[in-house]
């Protein structure tokens, strides 16, 4: 009985761990599909412009832009998940063990500065920032570039989708701010189940709402991590108000995004080797927390 309960718990835990990834994937492709439909079928153009050559080019440009962003989101997310930020396969011993090093009793090894143990990943992570529940992976030294680039294109994609869905909000509110329109925007699920709206109206309202809420959430994450990158901090160091590893704006960007920091955000396939090894860091300030 205990063995069965343990196996069931492990399976449920595994499903729950991958659920945010599956949900994110579904929402990203749903939003892309809805925006593609808006561009191809219900493009916000004047009636006399819809059959012109300009209309065709307008649609092509919009489709290229959104699938460029979708491709970058998916590729950066894939590389982020596939790139392990952990200490596995990294030689940590030798004469380098010194100030800032600690001993991890779980991994049974000495760990370098800025490295900490993740109880979700069950391993120590180099220059650990935080565990991202949306991807089921820790953000660390080797995959921070892909995480930040993914946030960039998610932010720009959601901004674009929100602007494209402005027409949806206009259609819903065209008869004024009524109880029906407000409820459709705030609780579209309830309106669908109660039979107040069609499945098509629900889908448009739900995705439009998702774009706005997602844009606000991703904006908070994205600009917070930009702020941390500019300051040369991790989230853990920000909590303690420490900046002992800041190398200035350009230095911090190079050590986070790599030597080609000015190009790597355009495409995840552009090589941008990191100047450090994730083990030793140049100390430019006090290692003691600010009081």
Protein backbone atom coordinates (compact mmCIF):
# COMPACT_ATOMS: atom_id res chain seq x y z
CA UNK A 1 0.00 0.00 0.00
CA UNK A 2 2.84 2.35 0.91
CA UNK A 3 4.64 1.54 -2.35
CA UNK A 4 1.49 2.25 -4.39
CA UNK A 5 0.90 5.56 -2.58
CA UNK A 6 4.55 6.53 -3.11
CA UNK A 7 4.38 5.76 -6.85
CA UNK A 8 1.10 7.67 -7.19
CA UNK A 9 2.57 10.67 -5.39
CA UNK A 10 5.65 10.61 -7.65
CA UNK A 11 3.46 10.52 -10.77
CA UNK A 12 1.28 13.37 -9.53
CA UNK A 13 4.38 15.38 -8.66
CA UNK A 14 5.82 14.77 -12.13
CA UNK A 15 2.59 15.87 -13.81
CA UNK A 16 2.36 18.99 -11.63
CA UNK A 17 5.97 19.85 -12.46
CA UNK A 18 5.27 19.78 -16.20
CA UNK A 19 1.80 21.36 -16.01
CA UNK A 20 3.03 25.02 -16.10
CA UNK A 21 5.17 24.24 -19.17
CA UNK A 22 2.21 22.65 -20.97
CA UNK A 23 -0.06 25.55 -20.01
CA UNK A 24 2.47 28.14 -21.20
CA UNK A 25 2.89 26.32 -24.51
CA UNK A 26 -0.87 26.15 -25.02
CA UNK A 27 -1.34 29.86 -24.27
CA UNK A 28 1.56 30.96 -26.51
CA UNK A 29 0.26 29.03 -29.51
CA UNK A 30 -3.36 30.01 -28.80
CA UNK A 31 -2.46 33.70 -28.75
CA UNK A 32 -0.40 33.32 -31.93
CA UNK A 33 -3.25 31.54 -33.69
CA UNK A 34 -5.79 34.15 -32.60
CA UNK A 35 -3.61 37.06 -33.71
CA UNK A 36 -2.93 35.33 -37.04
CA UNK A 37 -6.70 35.02 -37.50
CA UNK A 38 -7.14 38.73 -36.74
CA UNK A 39 -4.48 39.62 -39.30
CA UNK A 40 -5.69 37.31 -42.07
CA UNK A 41 -9.46 37.48 -41.65
CA UNK A 42 -10.39 40.52 -39.61
CA UNK A 43 -7.51 42.86 -40.29
CA UNK A 44 -8.25 46.35 -38.90
CA UNK A 45 -8.22 48.07 -42.29
CA UNK A 46 -10.67 50.29 -44.09
CA UNK A 47 -13.06 48.55 -46.49
CA UNK A 48 -11.42 50.08 -49.59
CA UNK A 49 -7.97 48.91 -48.46
CA UNK A 50 -8.73 45.24 -47.84
CA UNK A 51 -8.30 44.11 -51.45
CA UNK A 52 -5.32 46.27 -52.36
CA UNK A 53 -1.68 45.23 -52.75
CA UNK A 54 -0.88 47.25 -49.64
CA UNK A 55 -3.25 45.02 -47.68
CA UNK A 56 -1.34 41.90 -48.74
CA UNK A 57 2.00 43.41 -47.74
CA UNK A 58 0.48 44.59 -44.44
CA UNK A 59 -0.54 41.02 -43.63
CA UNK A 60 2.83 39.56 -44.69
CA UNK A 61 4.76 41.99 -42.48
CA UNK A 62 2.52 41.25 -39.50
CA UNK A 63 2.76 37.49 -39.96
CA UNK A 64 6.55 37.59 -40.34
CA UNK A 65 6.87 39.73 -37.20
CA UNK A 66 4.71 37.49 -35.03
CA UNK A 67 6.29 34.23 -36.21
CA UNK A 68 9.76 35.72 -35.73
CA UNK A 69 8.80 36.42 -32.11
CA UNK A 70 7.18 32.98 -31.72
CA UNK A 71 10.28 31.26 -33.10
CA UNK A 72 12.54 33.14 -30.70
CA UNK A 73 10.28 32.38 -27.74
CA UNK A 74 10.21 28.65 -28.50
CA UNK A 75 13.90 28.32 -29.37
CA UNK A 76 15.09 30.31 -26.36
CA UNK A 77 12.75 28.33 -24.08
CA UNK A 78 14.05 25.04 -25.50
CA UNK A 79 17.70 26.04 -25.06
CA UNK A 80 16.93 27.35 -21.58
CA UNK A 81 15.48 23.99 -20.53
CA UNK A 82 18.18 21.96 -22.30
CA UNK A 83 21.10 23.98 -20.90
CA UNK A 84 21.84 22.71 -17.42
CA UNK A 85 23.02 25.43 -14.99
CA UNK A 86 24.01 22.89 -12.33
CA UNK A 87 27.43 21.85 -11.03
CA UNK A 88 27.16 18.44 -12.71
CA UNK A 89 30.26 17.83 -14.81
CA UNK A 90 32.06 20.88 -13.39
CA UNK A 91 35.36 20.44 -11.52
CA UNK A 92 35.01 22.38 -8.26
CA UNK A 93 38.00 21.24 -6.22
CA UNK A 94 41.58 22.39 -6.21
CA UNK A 95 43.30 25.49 -4.91
CA UNK A 96 40.37 27.75 -5.81
CA UNK A 97 38.41 26.82 -2.68
CA UNK A 98 38.49 29.92 -0.49
CA UNK A 99 36.46 32.96 0.49
CA UNK A 100 32.79 32.68 -0.40
CA UNK A 101 32.90 28.92 -0.85
CA UNK A 102 30.50 26.75 1.14
CA UNK A 103 29.88 23.09 1.73
CA UNK A 104 26.60 21.60 0.50
CA UNK A 105 25.65 18.68 2.73
CA UNK A 106 23.00 17.53 0.23
CA UNK A 107 25.36 17.33 -2.76
CA UNK A 108 28.32 16.54 -0.46
CA UNK A 109 30.69 18.93 -2.18
CA UNK A 110 32.17 22.40 -1.81
CA UNK A 111 30.35 25.01 -3.87
CA UNK A 112 31.71 28.31 -5.24
CA UNK A 113 30.39 31.83 -4.52
CA UNK A 114 26.90 32.65 -5.84
CA UNK A 115 26.13 28.93 -6.07
CA UNK A 116 23.27 27.48 -4.03
CA UNK A 117 21.25 24.30 -3.76
CA UNK A 118 17.85 23.99 -5.43
CA UNK A 119 15.53 21.56 -3.69
CA UNK A 120 13.30 21.35 -6.77
CA UNK A 121 16.12 20.47 -9.16
CA UNK A 122 17.85 18.50 -6.36
CA UNK A 123 21.27 19.89 -7.28
CA UNK A 124 23.48 22.93 -6.69
CA UNK A 125 23.30 25.58 -9.41
CA UNK A 126 26.13 27.89 -10.52
CA UNK A 127 25.31 31.58 -10.01
CA UNK A 128 21.78 30.57 -9.11
CA UNK A 129 19.16 33.28 -9.55
CA UNK A 130 15.89 31.44 -8.85
CA UNK A 131 13.88 28.36 -9.78
CA UNK A 132 11.48 29.18 -12.62
CA UNK A 133 8.25 27.26 -12.02
CA UNK A 134 6.96 28.14 -15.50
CA UNK A 135 9.78 26.16 -17.13
CA UNK A 136 10.57 23.74 -14.30
CA UNK A 137 14.23 24.73 -14.43
CA UNK A 138 16.64 26.85 -12.43
CA UNK A 139 17.96 30.11 -13.85
CA UNK A 140 21.72 30.09 -13.48
CA UNK A 141 25.05 31.01 -15.01
CA UNK A 142 24.84 29.04 -18.27
CA UNK A 143 21.17 29.57 -19.22
CA UNK A 144 20.45 33.12 -17.99
CA UNK A 145 20.91 34.49 -21.53
CA UNK A 146 18.16 32.25 -22.91
CA UNK A 147 15.85 33.06 -20.00
CA UNK A 148 16.24 36.81 -20.49
CA UNK A 149 15.88 36.58 -24.29
CA UNK A 150 12.74 34.49 -23.88
CA UNK A 151 11.31 37.13 -21.54
CA UNK A 152 12.19 39.85 -24.07
CA UNK A 153 10.30 38.19 -26.92
CA UNK A 154 7.41 37.18 -24.67
CA UNK A 155 7.11 40.81 -23.59
CA UNK A 156 7.28 42.17 -27.14
CA UNK A 157 4.93 39.44 -28.41
CA UNK A 158 2.34 40.11 -25.71
CA UNK A 159 2.58 43.86 -26.33
CA UNK A 160 1.96 43.23 -30.03
CA UNK A 161 -0.91 40.82 -29.28
CA UNK A 162 -2.51 43.29 -26.86
CA UNK A 163 -2.42 46.05 -29.46
CA UNK A 164 -3.86 43.72 -32.10
CA UNK A 165 -6.64 42.72 -29.69
CA UNK A 166 -7.62 46.35 -29.14
CA UNK A 167 -10.28 45.83 -31.81
CA UNK A 168 -11.71 42.94 -29.75
CA UNK A 169 -12.15 45.26 -26.77
CA UNK A 170 -13.70 47.91 -29.04
CA UNK A 171 -16.22 45.38 -30.40
CA UNK A 172 -17.13 44.14 -26.91
CA UNK A 173 -17.57 47.69 -25.59
CA UNK A 174 -19.12 49.20 -28.74
CA UNK A 175 -22.57 49.38 -27.07
CA UNK A 176 -21.13 50.99 -23.95
CA UNK A 177 -19.91 49.72 -20.60
CA UNK A 178 -22.77 47.36 -19.75
CA UNK A 179 -22.97 44.57 -17.19
CA UNK A 180 -22.83 42.03 -20.01
CA UNK A 181 -19.67 43.50 -21.59
CA UNK A 182 -17.88 43.92 -18.26
CA UNK A 183 -18.68 40.34 -17.19
CA UNK A 184 -17.54 39.04 -20.59
CA UNK A 185 -14.17 40.74 -20.09
CA UNK A 186 -13.74 39.81 -16.42
CA UNK A 187 -15.24 36.30 -16.21
CA UNK A 188 -15.63 34.91 -19.75
CA UNK A 189 -15.70 31.32 -18.43
CA UNK A 190 -18.83 31.99 -16.38
CA UNK A 191 -20.50 33.73 -19.31
CA UNK A 192 -19.77 30.72 -21.55
CA UNK A 193 -21.02 28.10 -19.06
CA UNK A 194 -24.19 30.08 -18.37
CA UNK A 195 -24.89 30.34 -22.10
CA UNK A 196 -24.68 34.13 -22.22
CA UNK A 197 -22.10 34.21 -25.03
CA UNK A 198 -21.07 32.02 -27.95
CA UNK A 199 -17.90 29.93 -27.95
CA UNK A 200 -16.39 32.30 -30.54
CA UNK A 201 -17.05 35.40 -28.41
CA UNK A 202 -15.65 33.58 -25.36
CA UNK A 203 -12.46 32.59 -27.20
CA UNK A 204 -11.77 36.14 -28.35
CA UNK A 205 -12.54 37.64 -24.91
CA UNK A 206 -10.47 35.02 -23.06
CA UNK A 207 -7.40 35.42 -25.27
CA UNK A 208 -7.67 39.23 -25.20
CA UNK A 209 -7.80 39.10 -21.38
CA UNK A 210 -4.87 36.67 -21.32
CA UNK A 211 -2.81 39.05 -23.48
CA UNK A 212 -3.38 41.98 -21.11
CA UNK A 213 -2.76 40.02 -17.89
CA UNK A 214 0.21 38.18 -19.41
CA UNK A 215 1.72 41.43 -20.66
CA UNK A 216 1.53 42.98 -17.17
CA UNK A 217 3.06 39.92 -15.49
CA UNK A 218 5.83 39.44 -18.05
CA UNK A 219 6.60 43.18 -17.95
CA UNK A 220 7.19 42.95 -14.20
CA UNK A 221 9.48 39.90 -14.58
CA UNK A 222 11.34 41.27 -17.60
CA UNK A 223 12.12 44.75 -16.27
CA UNK A 224 13.02 43.36 -12.86
CA UNK A 225 15.60 41.02 -14.43
CA UNK A 226 16.89 43.81 -16.67
CA UNK A 227 17.38 45.84 -13.51
CA UNK A 228 19.26 42.95 -11.90
CA UNK A 229 21.45 42.43 -14.97
CA UNK A 230 22.40 46.11 -15.14
CA UNK A 231 23.37 45.98 -11.43
CA UNK A 232 25.25 42.68 -11.69
CA UNK A 233 23.01 41.00 -9.11
CA UNK A 234 21.06 37.81 -8.74
CA UNK A 235 17.63 37.74 -7.13
CA UNK A 236 19.17 36.27 -3.97
CA UNK A 237 21.72 39.10 -3.82
CA UNK A 238 19.01 41.69 -4.41
CA UNK A 239 17.17 40.39 -1.31
CA UNK A 240 20.32 40.98 0.76
CA UNK A 241 21.09 44.37 -0.92
CA UNK A 242 24.58 43.18 -1.92
CA UNK A 243 26.45 44.23 -5.09
CA UNK A 244 29.91 42.73 -4.63
CA UNK A 245 30.23 41.50 -8.21
CA UNK A 246 29.09 44.53 -10.21
CA UNK A 247 31.46 45.29 -13.12
CA UNK A 248 29.66 48.32 -14.49
CA UNK A 249 26.87 48.33 -17.05
CA UNK A 250 28.79 46.90 -20.03
CA UNK A 251 30.74 44.45 -17.88
CA UNK A 252 27.57 43.12 -16.29
CA UNK A 253 25.91 42.66 -19.68
CA UNK A 254 28.95 40.82 -21.06
CA UNK A 255 29.07 38.47 -18.07
CA UNK A 256 25.35 37.75 -18.36
CA UNK A 257 24.72 37.59 -22.12
CA UNK A 258 28.22 36.77 -23.35
CA UNK A 259 30.82 38.53 -25.48
CA UNK A 260 28.31 39.19 -28.27
CA UNK A 261 25.73 40.71 -25.92
CA UNK A 262 24.76 43.29 -28.55
CA UNK A 263 23.73 40.57 -31.07
CA UNK A 264 22.74 37.46 -29.13
CA UNK A 265 19.25 38.72 -28.29
CA UNK A 266 18.33 38.71 -32.00
CA UNK A 267 18.58 34.92 -32.29
CA UNK A 268 19.45 32.18 -29.77
CA UNK A 269 21.63 30.46 -32.40
CA UNK A 270 24.13 33.35 -32.45
CA UNK A 271 27.15 32.13 -30.44
CA UNK A 272 27.97 34.36 -27.48
CA UNK A 273 30.53 32.68 -25.19
CA UNK A 274 30.47 33.73 -21.56
CA UNK A 275 33.74 35.30 -20.35
CA UNK A 276 33.71 33.50 -16.98
CA UNK A 277 33.36 29.94 -15.74
CA UNK A 278 30.60 30.43 -13.16
CA UNK A 279 32.99 29.47 -10.38
CA UNK A 280 35.24 32.47 -9.79
CA UNK A 281 34.01 36.07 -9.90
CA UNK A 282 35.81 39.40 -9.66
CA UNK A 283 34.87 41.00 -6.32
CA UNK A 284 34.36 44.76 -6.58
CA UNK A 285 32.50 45.41 -3.35
CA UNK A 286 31.85 44.14 0.15
CA UNK A 287 30.58 40.58 0.52
CA UNK A 288 28.79 41.52 3.73
CA UNK A 289 25.06 42.30 3.50
CA UNK A 290 24.12 45.99 3.73
CA UNK A 291 22.79 47.03 7.14
